[in-house]
Amino acid sequence: MRALKKALGFSVVHFFVGITVAFALTGQWMVALGVALVEPAINAVIIYFHARWEEGTSLRSGHLAVSTG
């Protein structure tokens, strides 16, 4: 569940940063919205699976997972 919350939080922040940067570069809201929707969606999926893998490897190696956030 923590991995899902982390991925969702990351994707919301990333969306707003992406749309701002894309708009600054293009000056067009529709292009900025399109770019900002595709790129963070892919990142959210990757971050979710990365966090799941990270949690699994720390448990298998016998180390305690330390929460930093």
N, C-alpha and C. Protein backbone atom coordinates (compact mmCIF):
# COMPACT_ATOMS: atom_id res chain seq x y z
N MET A 1 0.82 -1.20 0.00
CA MET A 1 0.00 0.00 0.00
C MET A 1 0.87 1.27 0.00
N ARG A 2 1.99 1.22 0.72
CA ARG A 2 2.89 2.36 0.75
C ARG A 2 3.44 2.67 -0.64
N ALA A 3 3.74 1.62 -1.39
CA ALA A 3 4.26 1.81 -2.74
C ALA A 3 3.24 2.51 -3.63
N LEU A 4 1.97 2.17 -3.47
CA LEU A 4 0.92 2.79 -4.27
C LEU A 4 0.77 4.27 -3.91
N LYS A 5 0.77 4.60 -2.61
CA LYS A 5 0.68 6.00 -2.18
C LYS A 5 1.86 6.81 -2.70
N LYS A 6 3.04 6.22 -2.65
CA LYS A 6 4.25 6.89 -3.13
C LYS A 6 4.14 7.17 -4.63
N ALA A 7 3.67 6.18 -5.37
CA ALA A 7 3.53 6.34 -6.82
C ALA A 7 2.50 7.39 -7.17
N LEU A 8 1.37 7.41 -6.46
CA LEU A 8 0.32 8.39 -6.74
C LEU A 8 0.77 9.81 -6.40
N GLY A 9 1.42 9.97 -5.25
CA GLY A 9 1.93 11.29 -4.87
C GLY A 9 2.96 11.81 -5.86
N PHE A 10 3.85 10.93 -6.27
CA PHE A 10 4.86 11.30 -7.26
C PHE A 10 4.20 11.72 -8.57
N SER A 11 3.18 10.98 -8.99
CA SER A 11 2.56 11.27 -10.28
C SER A 11 1.82 12.61 -10.27
N VAL A 12 1.20 12.97 -9.16
CA VAL A 12 0.50 14.26 -9.08
C VAL A 12 1.49 15.42 -9.19
N VAL A 13 2.56 15.36 -8.42
CA VAL A 13 3.58 16.41 -8.48
C VAL A 13 4.20 16.46 -9.87
N HIS A 14 4.52 15.29 -10.40
CA HIS A 14 5.16 15.21 -11.71
C HIS A 14 4.26 15.78 -12.80
N PHE A 15 2.96 15.56 -12.70
CA PHE A 15 2.02 16.09 -13.68
C PHE A 15 2.08 17.61 -13.73
N PHE A 16 2.04 18.24 -12.56
CA PHE A 16 2.05 19.70 -12.53
C PHE A 16 3.38 20.28 -13.00
N VAL A 17 4.46 19.64 -12.66
CA VAL A 17 5.76 20.10 -13.15
C VAL A 17 5.82 19.91 -14.67
N GLY A 18 5.37 18.75 -15.13
CA GLY A 18 5.41 18.46 -16.57
C GLY A 18 4.59 19.43 -17.39
N ILE A 19 3.39 19.74 -16.94
CA ILE A 19 2.54 20.66 -17.71
C ILE A 19 3.13 22.07 -17.70
N THR A 20 3.72 22.47 -16.59
CA THR A 20 4.33 23.80 -16.51
C THR A 20 5.52 23.92 -17.45
N VAL A 21 6.38 22.92 -17.43
CA VAL A 21 7.57 22.95 -18.30
C VAL A 21 7.16 22.86 -19.78
N ALA A 22 6.23 21.96 -20.09
CA ALA A 22 5.80 21.82 -21.48
C ALA A 22 5.14 23.09 -21.98
N PHE A 23 4.35 23.75 -21.14
CA PHE A 23 3.74 25.01 -21.56
C PHE A 23 4.78 26.10 -21.75
N ALA A 24 5.77 26.13 -20.85
CA ALA A 24 6.83 27.14 -20.99
C ALA A 24 7.60 26.95 -22.29
N LEU A 25 7.77 25.70 -22.71
CA LEU A 25 8.52 25.42 -23.94
C LEU A 25 7.69 25.63 -25.20
N THR A 26 6.38 25.31 -25.14
CA THR A 26 5.57 25.36 -26.35
C THR A 26 4.63 26.56 -26.42
N GLY A 27 4.19 27.06 -25.27
CA GLY A 27 3.21 28.14 -25.26
C GLY A 27 1.81 27.68 -25.62
N GLN A 28 1.61 26.37 -25.70
CA GLN A 28 0.30 25.83 -26.08
C GLN A 28 -0.20 24.89 -24.98
N TRP A 29 -1.38 25.20 -24.43
CA TRP A 29 -1.92 24.40 -23.33
C TRP A 29 -2.24 22.98 -23.74
N MET A 30 -2.77 22.78 -24.94
CA MET A 30 -3.17 21.43 -25.36
C MET A 30 -1.95 20.52 -25.55
N VAL A 31 -0.90 21.05 -26.12
CA VAL A 31 0.34 20.28 -26.28
C VAL A 31 0.92 19.98 -24.90
N ALA A 32 0.95 20.99 -24.03
CA ALA A 32 1.48 20.81 -22.68
C ALA A 32 0.68 19.75 -21.92
N LEU A 33 -0.63 19.79 -22.05
CA LEU A 33 -1.48 18.81 -21.38
C LEU A 33 -1.21 17.41 -21.91
N GLY A 34 -1.06 17.27 -23.20
CA GLY A 34 -0.77 15.96 -23.79
C GLY A 34 0.55 15.39 -23.31
N VAL A 35 1.57 16.21 -23.31
CA VAL A 35 2.88 15.77 -22.84
C VAL A 35 2.81 15.43 -21.36
N ALA A 36 2.16 16.27 -20.59
CA ALA A 36 2.09 16.08 -19.14
C ALA A 36 1.26 14.87 -18.74
N LEU A 37 0.36 14.42 -19.58
CA LEU A 37 -0.43 13.23 -19.26
C LEU A 37 0.31 11.93 -19.56
N VAL A 38 1.01 11.89 -20.66
CA VAL A 38 1.67 10.65 -21.08
C VAL A 38 2.90 10.34 -20.24
N GLU A 39 3.80 11.27 -20.11
CA GLU A 39 5.08 11.01 -19.45
C GLU A 39 4.93 10.63 -17.98
N PRO A 40 4.16 11.36 -17.17
CA PRO A 40 4.01 10.97 -15.76
C PRO A 40 3.25 9.65 -15.57
N ALA A 41 2.33 9.35 -16.47
CA ALA A 41 1.60 8.09 -16.36
C ALA A 41 2.56 6.91 -16.48
N ILE A 42 3.46 7.00 -17.40
CA ILE A 42 4.46 5.93 -17.57
C ILE A 42 5.39 5.90 -16.36
N ASN A 43 5.81 7.06 -15.88
CA ASN A 43 6.67 7.11 -14.70
C ASN A 43 5.98 6.55 -13.46
N ALA A 44 4.69 6.80 -13.29
CA ALA A 44 3.97 6.30 -12.13
C ALA A 44 4.00 4.78 -12.08
N VAL A 45 3.82 4.15 -13.21
CA VAL A 45 3.86 2.69 -13.27
C VAL A 45 5.26 2.19 -12.93
N ILE A 46 6.26 2.83 -13.47
CA ILE A 46 7.64 2.41 -13.21
C ILE A 46 8.01 2.62 -11.75
N ILE A 47 7.63 3.75 -11.17
CA ILE A 47 7.93 4.02 -9.76
C ILE A 47 7.23 3.02 -8.85
N TYR A 48 5.98 2.66 -9.17
CA TYR A 48 5.25 1.68 -8.37
C TYR A 48 6.00 0.34 -8.33
N PHE A 49 6.38 -0.16 -9.49
CA PHE A 49 7.08 -1.44 -9.52
C PHE A 49 8.47 -1.35 -8.91
N HIS A 50 9.12 -0.22 -9.06
CA HIS A 50 10.43 -0.03 -8.43
C HIS A 50 10.30 -0.06 -6.90
N ALA A 51 9.30 0.63 -6.36
CA ALA A 51 9.10 0.64 -4.91
C ALA A 51 8.76 -0.76 -4.40
N ARG A 52 7.93 -1.50 -5.15
CA ARG A 52 7.61 -2.88 -4.75
C ARG A 52 8.86 -3.74 -4.76
N TRP A 53 9.69 -3.61 -5.78
CA TRP A 53 10.94 -4.37 -5.86
C TRP A 53 11.87 -3.99 -4.71
N GLU A 54 11.96 -2.69 -4.43
CA GLU A 54 12.82 -2.20 -3.37
C GLU A 54 12.39 -2.75 -2.01
N GLU A 55 11.08 -2.76 -1.74
CA GLU A 55 10.56 -3.30 -0.49
C GLU A 55 10.84 -4.80 -0.40
N GLY A 56 10.67 -5.50 -1.48
CA GLY A 56 10.90 -6.95 -1.49
C GLY A 56 12.34 -7.32 -1.28
N THR A 57 13.26 -6.58 -1.89
CA THR A 57 14.67 -6.91 -1.74
C THR A 57 15.16 -6.61 -0.33
N SER A 58 14.63 -5.56 0.31
CA SER A 58 15.07 -5.25 1.67
C SER A 58 14.55 -6.31 2.65
N LEU A 59 13.38 -6.85 2.41
CA LEU A 59 12.85 -7.90 3.27
C LEU A 59 13.59 -9.21 3.08
N ARG A 60 13.93 -9.55 1.85
CA ARG A 60 14.62 -10.81 1.58
C ARG A 60 16.06 -10.80 2.09
N SER A 61 16.68 -9.62 2.10
CA SER A 61 18.07 -9.56 2.51
C SER A 61 18.21 -9.53 4.03
N GLY A 62 17.10 -9.46 4.75
CA GLY A 62 17.15 -9.47 6.20
C GLY A 62 17.34 -8.11 6.84
N HIS A 63 17.38 -7.06 6.01
CA HIS A 63 17.53 -5.71 6.55
C HIS A 63 16.15 -5.13 6.84
N LEU A 64 16.10 -4.32 7.84
CA LEU A 64 14.85 -3.63 8.15
C LEU A 64 14.66 -2.47 7.18
N ALA A 65 13.47 -2.34 6.67
CA ALA A 65 13.16 -1.21 5.80
C ALA A 65 12.98 0.01 6.68
N VAL A 66 13.69 1.08 6.40
CA VAL A 66 13.61 2.30 7.19
C VAL A 66 12.79 3.32 6.42
N SER A 67 11.75 3.82 7.03
CA SER A 67 10.90 4.81 6.39
C SER A 67 11.55 6.18 6.51
N THR A 68 11.70 6.87 5.37
CA THR A 68 12.30 8.20 5.37
C THR A 68 11.26 9.27 5.08
N GLY A 69 10.02 8.88 4.94
CA GLY A 69 9.04 9.91 4.59
C GLY A 69 7.69 9.64 5.08
